[in-house]
Protein backbone atom coordinates (compact mmCIF):
# COMPACT_ATOMS: atom_id res chain seq x y z
CA UNK A 1 0.00 0.00 0.00
CA UNK A 2 2.84 2.36 0.86
CA UNK A 3 4.49 1.52 -2.46
CA UNK A 4 1.26 2.36 -4.30
CA UNK A 5 1.02 5.68 -2.46
CA UNK A 6 4.55 6.57 -3.45
CA UNK A 7 3.84 5.64 -7.05
CA UNK A 8 0.72 7.81 -7.20
CA UNK A 9 2.54 10.71 -5.56
CA UNK A 10 5.28 10.68 -8.15
CA UNK A 11 2.91 10.16 -11.09
CA UNK A 12 0.59 13.02 -10.09
CA UNK A 13 3.51 15.37 -9.54
CA UNK A 14 5.02 14.43 -12.88
CA UNK A 15 1.73 15.07 -14.67
CA UNK A 16 1.73 18.61 -13.31
CA UNK A 17 5.31 19.28 -14.33
CA UNK A 18 4.95 17.75 -17.78
CA UNK A 19 1.75 19.69 -18.46
CA UNK A 20 3.65 22.88 -17.72
CA UNK A 21 6.73 22.03 -19.72
CA UNK A 22 5.58 19.79 -22.59
CA UNK A 23 6.69 22.23 -25.26
CA UNK A 24 10.12 22.71 -23.68
CA UNK A 25 10.74 19.01 -23.23
CA UNK A 26 9.51 18.31 -26.74
CA UNK A 27 12.07 20.67 -28.23
CA UNK A 28 14.81 19.24 -26.01
CA UNK A 29 13.97 15.64 -26.92
CA UNK A 30 13.84 16.54 -30.60
CA UNK A 31 17.35 17.89 -30.32
CA UNK A 32 18.50 14.72 -28.61
CA UNK A 33 17.22 12.38 -31.30
CA UNK A 34 17.90 14.61 -34.32
CA UNK A 35 20.90 13.31 -36.24
CA UNK A 36 23.81 15.72 -35.89
CA UNK A 37 26.76 15.15 -38.18
CA UNK A 38 30.05 16.82 -38.89
CA UNK A 39 28.41 18.37 -41.95
CA UNK A 40 26.45 20.67 -39.60
CA UNK A 41 29.65 22.33 -38.40
CA UNK A 42 30.74 25.73 -39.79
CA UNK A 43 33.46 25.86 -42.44
CA UNK A 44 35.68 27.95 -40.15
CA UNK A 45 35.25 27.50 -36.42
CA UNK A 46 37.03 29.06 -33.47
CA UNK A 47 36.52 26.67 -30.57
CA UNK A 48 35.68 28.28 -27.24
CA UNK A 49 36.17 26.73 -23.82
CA UNK A 50 34.91 28.13 -20.51
CA UNK A 51 37.38 26.94 -17.89
CA UNK A 52 35.17 28.31 -15.10
CA UNK A 53 32.41 25.84 -16.00
CA UNK A 54 31.87 22.64 -14.07
CA UNK A 55 34.02 19.76 -15.28
CA UNK A 56 32.61 16.29 -14.70
CA UNK A 57 34.36 12.95 -14.66
CA UNK A 58 31.29 11.34 -16.26
CA UNK A 59 28.24 12.43 -18.21
CA UNK A 60 25.27 13.72 -16.21
CA UNK A 61 22.62 11.27 -15.08
CA UNK A 62 20.26 14.25 -15.00
CA UNK A 63 18.22 14.70 -18.20
CA UNK A 64 17.43 18.27 -17.19
CA UNK A 65 21.05 19.34 -16.89
CA UNK A 66 21.15 20.73 -20.42
CA UNK A 67 18.12 22.91 -19.66
CA UNK A 68 19.32 24.29 -16.34
CA UNK A 69 21.50 27.01 -17.84
CA UNK A 70 24.58 25.72 -16.00
CA UNK A 71 27.45 25.14 -18.38
CA UNK A 72 29.39 21.95 -17.84
CA UNK A 73 31.82 19.72 -19.66
CA UNK A 74 32.77 16.09 -19.47
CA UNK A 75 36.56 16.09 -19.10
CA UNK A 76 37.21 13.14 -21.40
CA UNK A 77 34.99 14.69 -24.05
CA UNK A 78 37.01 17.93 -23.95
CA UNK A 79 40.34 16.12 -24.20
CA UNK A 80 39.21 13.95 -27.13
CA UNK A 81 37.67 16.92 -28.92
CA UNK A 82 40.89 18.93 -28.66
CA UNK A 83 42.90 16.06 -30.12
CA UNK A 84 40.48 15.67 -33.01
CA UNK A 85 40.26 19.44 -33.55
CA UNK A 86 44.03 19.60 -33.97
CA UNK A 87 43.61 17.56 -37.18
CA UNK A 88 40.37 19.22 -38.33
CA UNK A 89 40.95 21.82 -41.07
CA UNK A 90 37.67 23.58 -40.17
CA UNK A 91 39.02 24.51 -36.74
CA UNK A 92 41.16 27.66 -36.87
CA UNK A 93 42.07 27.96 -33.18
CA UNK A 94 41.09 27.76 -29.52
CA UNK A 95 39.91 30.56 -27.24
CA UNK A 96 39.56 29.77 -23.53
CA UNK A 97 38.21 31.92 -20.71
CA UNK A 98 39.48 31.57 -17.14
CA UNK A 99 38.81 33.26 -13.82
CA UNK A 100 39.21 30.40 -11.42
CA UNK A 101 39.13 26.79 -12.56
CA UNK A 102 37.55 24.45 -10.06
CA UNK A 103 39.74 21.58 -11.18
CA UNK A 104 42.11 19.28 -9.37
CA UNK A 105 45.78 19.37 -10.28
CA UNK A 106 45.59 16.08 -12.15
CA UNK A 107 42.79 17.44 -14.34
CA UNK A 108 44.70 20.68 -14.91
CA UNK A 109 47.72 18.69 -16.09
CA UNK A 110 45.53 16.71 -18.50
CA UNK A 111 44.16 19.93 -19.95
CA UNK A 112 47.65 21.44 -20.23
CA UNK A 113 48.84 18.38 -22.13
CA UNK A 114 45.84 18.48 -24.48
CA UNK A 115 46.35 22.20 -25.20
CA UNK A 116 50.04 21.56 -25.86
CA UNK A 117 49.18 18.83 -28.37
CA UNK A 118 46.63 21.16 -30.01
CA UNK A 119 49.25 23.92 -30.36
CA UNK A 120 51.72 21.44 -31.84
CA UNK A 121 49.42 21.32 -34.91
CA UNK A 122 50.30 24.95 -35.57
CA UNK A 123 46.93 26.33 -34.51
CA UNK A 124 46.74 29.24 -32.04
CA UNK A 125 45.46 28.80 -28.50
CA UNK A 126 44.64 31.97 -26.58
CA UNK A 127 43.51 32.32 -22.98
CA UNK A 128 41.65 35.32 -21.59
CA UNK A 129 41.40 35.78 -17.83
CA UNK A 130 39.36 38.36 -15.98
CA UNK A 131 41.74 37.57 -13.14
CA UNK A 132 44.13 34.78 -12.20
CA UNK A 133 43.31 34.27 -8.57
CA UNK A 134 41.41 37.28 -7.28
CA UNK A 135 42.72 38.02 -3.80
CA UNK A 136 45.55 35.50 -4.24
CA UNK A 137 45.49 31.74 -4.53
CA UNK A 138 45.92 31.70 -8.30
CA UNK A 139 49.09 29.61 -8.57
CA UNK A 140 47.32 26.66 -10.19
CA UNK A 141 45.44 28.98 -12.57
CA UNK A 142 48.74 30.55 -13.68
CA UNK A 143 50.06 27.03 -14.25
CA UNK A 144 47.06 26.18 -16.44
CA UNK A 145 47.28 29.48 -18.34
CA UNK A 146 50.95 28.90 -19.15
CA UNK A 147 50.02 26.10 -21.59
CA UNK A 148 48.44 28.64 -23.97
CA UNK A 149 50.33 30.54 -26.65
CA UNK A 150 48.89 33.92 -25.63
CA UNK A 151 47.58 34.99 -22.23
CA UNK A 152 45.39 38.09 -21.87
CA UNK A 153 44.58 39.65 -18.51
CA UNK A 154 41.76 42.12 -17.89
CA UNK A 155 43.05 45.52 -16.67
CA UNK A 156 41.19 45.10 -13.37
CA UNK A 157 42.57 41.62 -12.76
CA UNK A 158 45.60 40.32 -10.89
CA UNK A 159 47.94 37.35 -10.96
CA UNK A 160 47.81 35.53 -7.63
CA UNK A 161 51.06 33.59 -7.90
CA UNK A 162 51.27 33.19 -4.13
CA UNK A 163 52.64 29.63 -3.87
CA UNK A 164 51.40 26.52 -2.10
CA UNK A 165 50.24 26.00 1.45
CA UNK A 166 48.99 23.07 3.53
CA UNK A 167 47.09 23.70 6.73
CA UNK A 168 44.95 21.52 8.95
CA UNK A 169 42.84 21.98 12.10
CA UNK A 170 43.64 19.86 15.16
CA UNK A 171 40.86 19.11 17.62
CA UNK A 172 42.62 17.51 20.57
CA UNK A 173 42.31 20.66 22.73
CA UNK A 174 38.64 21.05 21.84
CA UNK A 175 37.95 17.45 22.77
CA UNK A 176 39.69 17.90 26.10
CA UNK A 177 37.44 20.89 26.89
CA UNK A 178 34.36 18.88 25.98
CA UNK A 179 35.39 15.71 27.77
CA UNK A 180 35.69 13.76 24.51
CA UNK A 181 38.47 11.17 24.30
CA UNK A 182 39.67 10.21 20.79
CA UNK A 183 40.86 6.62 20.47
CA UNK A 184 42.31 6.04 17.00
CA UNK A 185 44.95 3.61 15.79
CA UNK A 186 46.73 3.43 12.45
CA UNK A 187 49.25 1.50 10.40
CA UNK A 188 51.61 3.24 10.42
CA UNK A 189 53.15 6.58 11.43
CA UNK A 190 52.36 8.33 8.10
CA UNK A 191 48.65 7.41 8.18
CA UNK A 192 47.99 10.91 9.43
CA UNK A 193 44.22 11.22 8.84
CA UNK A 194 43.75 10.46 12.55
CA UNK A 195 46.17 13.17 13.71
CA UNK A 196 43.53 15.88 13.62
CA UNK A 197 41.74 14.05 16.45
CA UNK A 198 44.74 13.00 18.52
CA UNK A 199 47.34 15.79 18.08
CA UNK A 200 47.64 19.55 18.57
CA UNK A 201 49.81 20.05 15.45
CA UNK A 202 51.70 18.21 12.73
CA UNK A 203 53.55 15.18 14.03
CA UNK A 204 57.14 14.76 12.72
CA UNK A 205 55.96 12.06 10.29
CA UNK A 206 53.00 14.15 9.14
CA UNK A 207 55.22 17.20 8.60
CA UNK A 208 57.78 15.15 6.68
CA UNK A 209 55.12 13.67 4.40
CA UNK A 210 53.39 16.97 3.66
CA UNK A 211 56.73 18.66 3.14
CA UNK A 212 57.76 16.22 0.43
CA UNK A 213 54.33 16.46 -1.17
CA UNK A 214 54.57 20.26 -1.34
CA UNK A 215 58.13 20.09 -2.66
CA UNK A 216 57.12 17.77 -5.49
CA UNK A 217 54.09 19.87 -6.45
CA UNK A 218 56.15 23.08 -6.27
CA UNK A 219 58.76 21.57 -8.59
CA UNK A 220 56.06 20.60 -11.10
CA UNK A 221 54.40 24.02 -11.05
CA UNK A 222 57.67 25.90 -11.46
CA UNK A 223 58.82 23.65 -14.31
CA UNK A 224 55.47 23.90 -16.10
CA UNK A 225 55.19 27.69 -15.84
CA UNK A 226 58.83 28.12 -16.89
CA UNK A 227 58.39 25.88 -19.93
CA UNK A 228 55.09 27.41 -20.99
CA UNK A 229 56.13 31.03 -20.51
CA UNK A 230 59.68 30.47 -21.81
CA UNK A 231 61.25 31.69 -18.60
CA UNK A 232 64.21 30.30 -16.66
CA UNK A 233 63.10 27.98 -13.83
CA UNK A 234 65.05 30.00 -11.25
CA UNK A 235 63.24 33.15 -12.41
CA UNK A 236 59.84 31.47 -11.95
CA UNK A 237 60.91 30.05 -8.59
CA UNK A 238 61.75 33.59 -7.52
CA UNK A 239 58.33 34.86 -8.63
CA UNK A 240 56.33 32.12 -6.88
CA UNK A 241 55.20 33.40 -3.53
CA UNK A 242 55.74 37.08 -4.39
CA UNK A 243 52.21 37.64 -5.70
CA UNK A 244 49.61 38.80 -6.14
CA UNK A 245 50.93 40.86 -9.05
CA UNK A 246 49.24 43.86 -10.66
CA UNK A 247 48.60 43.55 -14.43
CA UNK A 248 51.58 45.70 -15.43
CA UNK A 249 53.84 43.80 -13.03
CA UNK A 250 52.65 40.45 -14.37
CA UNK A 251 53.30 41.54 -17.96
CA UNK A 252 56.77 42.85 -17.11
CA UNK A 253 57.57 39.55 -15.40
CA UNK A 254 56.49 37.57 -18.47
CA UNK A 255 53.51 35.89 -16.81
CA UNK A 256 50.98 37.38 -19.27
CA UNK A 257 51.31 38.73 -22.80
CA UNK A 258 48.62 41.38 -23.09
CA UNK A 259 46.41 43.53 -20.88
CA UNK A 260 42.94 44.02 -22.32
CA UNK A 261 39.33 42.88 -22.42
CA UNK A 262 37.71 39.76 -23.81
CA UNK A 263 36.54 41.36 -27.05
CA UNK A 264 40.07 42.64 -27.72
CA UNK A 265 41.56 39.19 -27.17
CA UNK A 266 38.90 37.49 -29.29
CA UNK A 267 38.86 39.79 -32.35
CA UNK A 268 42.20 38.75 -33.95
CA UNK A 269 41.22 35.08 -33.82
CA UNK A 270 37.81 35.55 -35.43
CA UNK A 271 39.21 37.76 -38.19
CA UNK A 272 35.67 38.47 -39.41
CA UNK A 273 35.27 35.05 -41.02
CA UNK A 274 35.36 32.39 -38.29
CA UNK A 275 32.37 31.41 -36.18
CA UNK A 276 32.59 30.84 -32.42
CA UNK A 277 31.74 27.25 -31.50
CA UNK A 278 31.69 25.89 -27.96
CA UNK A 279 33.92 22.87 -27.59
CA UNK A 280 31.11 20.69 -26.20
CA UNK A 281 28.88 21.55 -29.15
CA UNK A 282 31.75 20.70 -31.50
CA UNK A 283 32.28 17.36 -29.76
CA UNK A 284 28.56 16.53 -29.99
CA UNK A 285 28.69 16.77 -33.78
CA UNK A 286 31.70 14.51 -34.26
CA UNK A 287 31.25 11.00 -35.56
CA UNK A 288 31.97 8.37 -32.91
CA UNK A 289 35.52 7.08 -33.11
CA UNK A 290 35.95 3.67 -34.72
CA UNK A 291 38.42 0.98 -33.84
CA UNK A 292 39.14 -1.86 -31.45
CA UNK A 293 36.58 -2.14 -28.66
CA UNK A 294 37.93 -1.27 -25.21
CA UNK A 295 35.79 -1.38 -22.08
CA UNK A 296 35.85 1.88 -20.13
CA UNK A 297 35.06 1.59 -16.43
CA UNK A 298 35.12 4.67 -14.20
CA UNK A 299 35.49 4.44 -10.45
CA UNK A 300 34.96 7.94 -9.09
CA UNK A 301 34.33 8.94 -5.47
CA UNK A 302 34.55 7.26 -2.08
CA UNK A 303 34.55 3.47 -2.30
CA UNK A 304 31.73 1.68 -0.52
CA UNK A 305 30.08 -1.72 -0.53
CA UNK A 306 26.98 -2.25 -2.63
CA UNK A 307 25.81 -0.59 -5.80
CA UNK A 308 26.67 2.83 -7.13
CA UNK A 309 23.86 5.26 -6.49
CA UNK A 310 21.93 6.52 -9.49
CA UNK A 311 19.50 9.37 -9.84
CA UNK A 312 18.67 12.49 -11.79
CA UNK A 313 20.98 14.58 -9.61
CA UNK A 314 23.52 11.98 -8.48
CA UNK A 315 27.20 12.82 -8.31
CA UNK A 316 29.74 10.17 -9.38
CA UNK A 317 29.69 7.30 -6.93
CA UNK A 318 31.98 4.26 -6.46
CA UNK A 319 29.88 1.27 -5.45
CA UNK A 320 32.06 -1.85 -5.34
CA UNK A 321 29.33 -4.21 -6.51
CA UNK A 322 28.59 -2.07 -9.56
CA UNK A 323 32.25 -1.74 -10.55
CA UNK A 324 32.97 -5.42 -9.87
CA UNK A 325 30.05 -6.48 -12.07
CA UNK A 326 31.26 -4.14 -14.81
CA UNK A 327 34.72 -5.70 -14.68
CA UNK A 328 33.23 -9.20 -14.86
CA UNK A 329 30.98 -8.27 -17.77
CA UNK A 330 33.88 -6.75 -19.70
CA UNK A 331 36.11 -9.75 -18.97
CA UNK A 332 33.46 -12.14 -20.29
CA UNK A 333 32.72 -10.08 -23.42
CA UNK A 334 34.65 -11.63 -26.32
CA UNK A 335 34.38 -8.41 -28.32
CA UNK A 336 36.35 -6.47 -25.68
CA UNK A 337 40.09 -6.41 -26.33
CA UNK A 338 41.18 -4.66 -23.12
CA UNK A 339 39.87 -2.73 -20.11
CA UNK A 340 40.65 0.91 -19.31
CA UNK A 341 39.87 1.53 -15.64
CA UNK A 342 39.76 5.20 -14.61
CA UNK A 343 40.20 5.69 -10.85
CA UNK A 344 39.67 9.00 -9.04
CA UNK A 345 39.07 8.15 -5.39
CA UNK A 346 40.35 9.02 -1.91
CA UNK A 347 39.65 5.45 -0.77
CA UNK A 348 36.98 4.03 1.47
CA UNK A 349 35.98 0.58 2.64
CA UNK A 350 38.74 -2.05 2.79
CA UNK A 351 36.29 -4.85 2.03
CA UNK A 352 34.79 -2.97 -0.91
CA UNK A 353 38.25 -2.16 -2.28
CA UNK A 354 39.25 -5.82 -2.00
CA UNK A 355 36.13 -6.84 -3.94
CA UNK A 356 37.16 -4.63 -6.87
CA UNK A 357 40.83 -5.70 -6.64
CA UNK A 358 39.77 -9.33 -7.05
CA UNK A 359 37.83 -8.60 -10.24
CA UNK A 360 40.75 -6.68 -11.75
CA UNK A 361 42.94 -9.70 -11.06
CA UNK A 362 40.35 -12.12 -12.50
CA UNK A 363 40.01 -10.02 -15.66
CA UNK A 364 43.74 -10.31 -16.23
CA UNK A 365 43.63 -14.05 -15.58
CA UNK A 366 40.86 -14.28 -18.19
CA UNK A 367 43.23 -12.74 -20.74
CA UNK A 368 41.90 -9.17 -20.68
CA UNK A 369 44.68 -6.63 -20.13
CA UNK A 370 43.78 -3.90 -17.63
CA UNK A 371 45.23 -0.38 -17.68
CA UNK A 372 44.48 2.03 -14.83
CA UNK A 373 44.39 5.77 -15.43
CA UNK A 374 44.56 7.74 -12.18
CA UNK A 375 42.82 11.11 -11.94
CA UNK A 376 43.35 13.75 -9.27
CA UNK A 377 43.64 11.13 -6.55
CA UNK A 378 43.94 7.38 -6.19
CA UNK A 379 44.94 6.96 -2.57
CA UNK A 380 44.44 4.25 0.05
CA UNK A 381 41.50 2.20 -1.26
CA UNK A 382 41.88 4.09 -4.55
CA UNK A 383 45.35 2.60 -4.88
CA UNK A 384 44.14 -0.80 -3.65
CA UNK A 385 41.72 -1.20 -6.58
CA UNK A 386 44.42 -0.15 -9.06
CA UNK A 387 47.45 -2.13 -7.93
CA UNK A 388 46.63 -5.42 -9.70
CA UNK A 389 46.48 -3.82 -13.16
CA UNK A 390 48.90 -4.59 -16.00
CA UNK A 391 49.83 -0.94 -16.23
CA UNK A 392 49.18 2.11 -14.03
CA UNK A 393 49.36 5.63 -15.45
CA UNK A 394 49.14 8.70 -13.19
CA UNK A 395 49.55 12.41 -13.63
CA UNK A 396 52.67 13.90 -11.98
CA UNK A 397 50.34 15.74 -9.60
CA UNK A 398 48.06 12.78 -8.80
CA UNK A 399 47.90 12.11 -5.07
CA UNK A 400 48.40 8.38 -4.59
CA UNK A 401 49.81 5.77 -2.22
CA UNK A 402 48.56 6.04 1.37
CA UNK A 403 49.06 2.31 1.68
CA UNK A 404 47.88 1.80 5.23
CA UNK A 405 44.81 1.64 7.42
CA UNK A 406 43.26 3.28 10.48
CA UNK A 407 40.22 2.94 12.67
CA UNK A 408 38.93 4.18 15.99
CA UNK A 409 36.17 6.10 17.73
CA UNK A 410 35.41 9.13 19.88
CA UNK A 411 34.62 8.20 23.47
CA UNK A 412 31.89 10.45 24.93
CA UNK A 413 31.81 8.99 28.43
CA UNK A 414 33.01 12.17 30.21
CA UNK A 415 31.13 14.45 27.84
CA UNK A 416 27.81 12.90 28.85
CA UNK A 417 28.65 13.48 32.50
CA UNK A 418 29.37 17.16 31.80
CA UNK A 419 25.93 17.74 30.31
CA UNK A 420 24.03 15.53 32.75
CA UNK A 421 23.18 12.64 30.47
CA UNK A 422 23.41 9.12 31.88
CA UNK A 423 23.39 5.86 29.94
CA UNK A 424 22.70 2.29 30.94
CA UNK A 425 23.42 -0.82 28.96
CA UNK A 426 22.88 -4.55 28.68
CA UNK A 427 24.84 -6.84 26.39
CA UNK A 428 25.65 -10.43 25.62
CA UNK A 429 29.24 -11.01 24.55
CA UNK A 430 32.49 -9.58 25.89
CA UNK A 431 33.02 -7.29 22.89
CA UNK A 432 29.40 -6.40 22.15
CA UNK A 433 30.12 -2.78 23.11
CA UNK A 434 33.43 -2.58 21.26
CA UNK A 435 32.25 0.31 19.05
CA UNK A 436 30.11 2.04 21.64
CA UNK A 437 30.97 5.73 22.07
CA UNK A 438 30.09 5.49 25.74
CA UNK A 439 33.14 3.56 26.88
CA UNK A 440 36.81 3.29 25.89
CA UNK A 441 38.26 0.17 24.34
CA UNK A 442 39.01 -2.52 26.88
CA UNK A 443 42.47 -4.18 26.68
CA UNK A 444 40.81 -7.20 25.09
CA UNK A 445 38.99 -5.04 22.55
CA UNK A 446 42.19 -3.12 21.78
CA UNK A 447 43.94 -6.44 21.13
CA UNK A 448 41.27 -7.35 18.57
CA UNK A 449 41.57 -3.92 16.93
CA UNK A 450 45.35 -4.34 16.65
CA UNK A 451 44.94 -7.80 15.14
CA UNK A 452 42.48 -6.40 12.58
CA UNK A 453 44.76 -3.50 11.61
CA UNK A 454 47.81 -5.76 11.33
CA UNK A 455 45.88 -8.17 9.13
CA UNK A 456 44.63 -5.45 6.79
CA UNK A 457 48.05 -3.80 6.51
CA UNK A 458 49.72 -7.14 5.77
CA UNK A 459 47.08 -7.93 3.13
CA UNK A 460 47.34 -4.48 1.54
CA UNK A 461 51.15 -4.41 1.38
CA UNK A 462 51.38 -8.05 0.34
CA UNK A 463 49.04 -7.60 -2.61
CA UNK A 464 50.69 -4.31 -3.54
CA UNK A 465 54.16 -5.88 -3.48
CA UNK A 466 52.97 -8.78 -5.66
CA UNK A 467 51.21 -6.48 -8.10
CA UNK A 468 54.13 -4.09 -8.41
CA UNK A 469 56.91 -6.67 -8.32
CA UNK A 470 58.54 -5.22 -5.18
CA UNK A 471 60.01 -6.99 -2.18
CA UNK A 472 58.15 -6.91 1.13
CA UNK A 473 60.88 -4.73 2.61
CA UNK A 474 60.77 -2.22 -0.24
CA UNK A 475 56.99 -2.07 -0.12
CA UNK A 476 56.99 -1.38 3.60
CA UNK A 477 59.41 1.51 3.03
CA UNK A 478 57.11 3.23 0.52
CA UNK A 479 53.91 2.29 2.37
CA UNK A 480 53.28 2.91 6.10
CA UNK A 481 50.40 5.24 5.16
CA UNK A 482 52.55 7.70 3.23
CA UNK A 483 51.07 9.70 0.35
CA UNK A 484 53.04 10.48 -2.79
CA UNK A 485 52.64 12.55 -5.92
CA UNK A 486 52.42 10.61 -9.15
CA UNK A 487 55.91 11.81 -10.06
CA UNK A 488 57.41 10.35 -6.88
CA UNK A 489 55.26 7.23 -7.15
CA UNK A 490 56.75 6.48 -10.56
CA UNK A 491 60.28 6.77 -9.17
CA UNK A 492 59.36 4.40 -6.35
CA UNK A 493 57.71 1.83 -8.61
CA UNK A 494 54.13 2.39 -7.47
CA UNK A 495 53.02 3.46 -10.96
CA UNK A 496 54.41 2.71 -14.42
CA UNK A 497 54.06 5.93 -16.36
CA UNK A 498 53.00 9.57 -16.21
CA UNK A 499 50.10 11.09 -18.11
CA UNK A 500 46.35 11.03 -18.48
CA UNK A 501 43.75 9.63 -20.89
CA UNK A 502 46.04 10.06 -23.90
CA UNK A 503 48.93 8.13 -22.35
CA UNK A 504 46.60 5.53 -20.83
CA UNK A 505 45.19 4.76 -24.28
CA UNK A 506 48.72 4.37 -25.60
CA UNK A 507 49.37 1.90 -22.77
CA UNK A 508 46.20 -0.01 -23.72
CA UNK A 509 47.49 -0.41 -27.27
CA UNK A 510 50.82 -1.66 -25.97
CA UNK A 511 49.54 -4.24 -23.46
CA UNK A 512 46.87 -5.44 -25.91
CA UNK A 513 49.42 -5.94 -28.70
CA UNK A 514 47.87 -3.32 -30.98
CA UNK A 515 49.59 -0.95 -33.39
CA UNK A 516 50.63 2.42 -31.88
CA UNK A 517 48.17 4.26 -34.15
CA UNK A 518 45.32 1.75 -33.78
CA UNK A 519 41.94 3.39 -33.29
CA UNK A 520 40.16 2.64 -30.01
CA UNK A 521 36.41 2.61 -29.43
CA UNK A 522 35.79 3.14 -25.73
CA UNK A 523 32.52 1.58 -24.56
CA UNK A 524 31.30 2.36 -21.04
CA UNK A 525 30.63 -0.45 -18.59
CA UNK A 526 28.16 -0.51 -16.96
CA UNK A 527 25.99 0.91 -19.70
CA UNK A 528 24.88 4.46 -18.79
CA UNK A 529 21.33 4.53 -17.44
CA UNK A 530 18.60 5.87 -19.69
CA UNK A 531 16.24 8.63 -18.57
CA UNK A 532 13.23 6.31 -18.44
CA UNK A 533 15.20 3.78 -16.38
CA UNK A 534 15.99 6.41 -13.77
CA UNK A 535 12.35 7.51 -13.80
CA UNK A 536 11.11 3.94 -13.38
CA UNK A 537 13.49 3.44 -10.47
CA UNK A 538 12.17 6.60 -8.83
CA UNK A 539 8.57 5.46 -9.25
CA UNK A 540 9.36 2.00 -7.88
CA UNK A 541 10.83 3.56 -4.76
CA UNK A 542 14.22 1.85 -4.76
CA UNK A 543 16.44 3.45 -2.15
CA UNK A 544 15.24 6.99 -2.82
CA UNK A 545 12.99 8.73 -0.32
CA UNK A 546 9.85 10.61 -1.33
CA UNK A 547 11.38 13.95 -0.40
CA UNK A 548 14.10 13.39 -2.97
CA UNK A 549 11.51 12.77 -5.71
CA UNK A 550 9.80 16.04 -4.84
CA UNK A 551 13.11 17.89 -4.76
CA UNK A 552 13.91 16.58 -8.23
CA UNK A 553 10.52 17.64 -9.55
CA UNK A 554 11.00 21.09 -8.05
CA UNK A 555 14.37 21.25 -9.73
CA UNK A 556 12.75 20.30 -13.04
CA UNK A 557 10.35 23.24 -12.87
CA UNK A 558 13.15 25.65 -11.94
CA UNK A 559 15.38 24.37 -14.73
CA UNK A 560 12.67 24.76 -17.37
CA UNK A 561 11.69 28.33 -16.50
CA UNK A 562 14.42 30.04 -18.60
CA UNK A 563 13.69 27.68 -21.51
CA UNK A 564 9.93 28.11 -21.77
CA UNK A 565 9.97 31.90 -22.16
CA UNK A 566 12.10 32.04 -25.33
CA UNK A 567 10.09 29.24 -26.94
CA UNK A 568 7.17 31.59 -27.50
CA UNK A 569 9.39 33.68 -29.80
CA UNK A 570 10.70 30.86 -31.99
CA UNK A 571 8.16 31.09 -34.84
CA UNK A 572 9.90 31.90 -38.11
CA UNK A 573 13.38 31.46 -36.72
CA UNK A 574 16.11 29.05 -37.80
CA UNK A 575 16.10 25.47 -36.44
CA UNK A 576 17.06 25.27 -32.81
CA UNK A 577 20.54 24.23 -31.68
CA UNK A 578 21.75 23.37 -28.23
CA UNK A 579 23.20 26.36 -26.43
CA UNK A 580 27.01 26.54 -26.12
CA UNK A 581 28.22 24.38 -23.29
CA UNK A 582 25.35 21.88 -23.37
CA UNK A 583 26.52 18.28 -23.38
CA UNK A 584 23.93 16.10 -25.09
């Protein structure tokens, strides 16, 4: 009966929304199913790219995203489109806008590499920035901008080349005031996630680890800016940390080429004959690449047991069952030549990570080569799921490693006394209250916790050593919970090569025995969910609460408002096209 009530609630609400927006959805759906070919592209196109837009690891599961007015790109789509545009005679150049890119360093490095390859074709690539880090904090933006042939800065902007900083709060003193006792245990001294609960500042191991991480990232940023801006590395090193710079100062230092406004930067590239074309719109018109079938599996987000969550407004999610099933399906598909596994995860459940590790290993045993491409981060459980692959490729700035484990709890026993709350308990079993926040670990419970941590650490390091071909002693030296940049991880043998999607595809060709120029057709596993499948799941209830359905319907109405008004004025106009930035 409750299921029927939920069904009727959703259906009635949908009827109201669809009655309001039938015209808008009809136009949108027509655009989705209308054949769009490369013949629809202009003869001369200047590709535009908004680097302040939202970049996604995967395509939206939300069918209303294209109508919301929010510009977004799928990172892989942008990278592939730039590579294809470099060889497309209709494309005359690239014009990118930047204020502050909300990208991780690994993604920034992928974009820099793609822009560099585009420029190698002889086509111009210009970047215009209203500002590069307003109020400071623009070091990564300057690094991204340096990949472009020309950099324009608005006269009111600044260049926030202020350097890198790591800071962290420590709550031990707060807990003491509140009567809260943190009890956390890790393997080993560099597994510093627990330090914020147990320390008042960086421990020696924590400081050492962060120091090396900052040194490696600083070296990469200095080298990249120096190469891109054609400056000596020692000159750039001297500039880093001296910002923010005024426009004239930045130009004199060689950090930007011109001071002016967007229209002034854009005019020379258009030259009165080229048409502006958003990169996502360009990509949507390209014919799908042909070639050897390669399964693409993306593990993005915190790793947990069970299925990845789906929904109209779901963010990327790493459910071990979903990813494991995708690996099995790809391994059993005779038409799949290899598997490309993209990992961008800070870690998560040990058990869930082990489930995915096993399927990577089984895929290899079944004769399917597996290449892992690491994104911004593949640490702890994120490294666990990757370490059995034939080949691991990471960006120099990828955060990886963190081979270790921790667990613990906050004991509130004294806190309850301070606020006058009393608890009573009954249990059967000596360790029934082992995870209760109302009492500390007993010696017997602590012994079980230690045994668990030792077991997990031994399993993690043992499998990592076997996968990477390292001795147990060497693995322990690079493990112990320590995080590394991709550049350092390569030196230590934790990854095989440096790069992103482009280099990972080259690795796929190599391990699969293909020609270096062999075309690859990447097919997503699991198959992306269709709109009606998501809708059916919502109506059936699934794991989604009624309030989420209503929130999605409310979002639908809000998203359609700016679309419905212009539709009344479309009579007599040219056929509709998706707005720049939409990703069909």
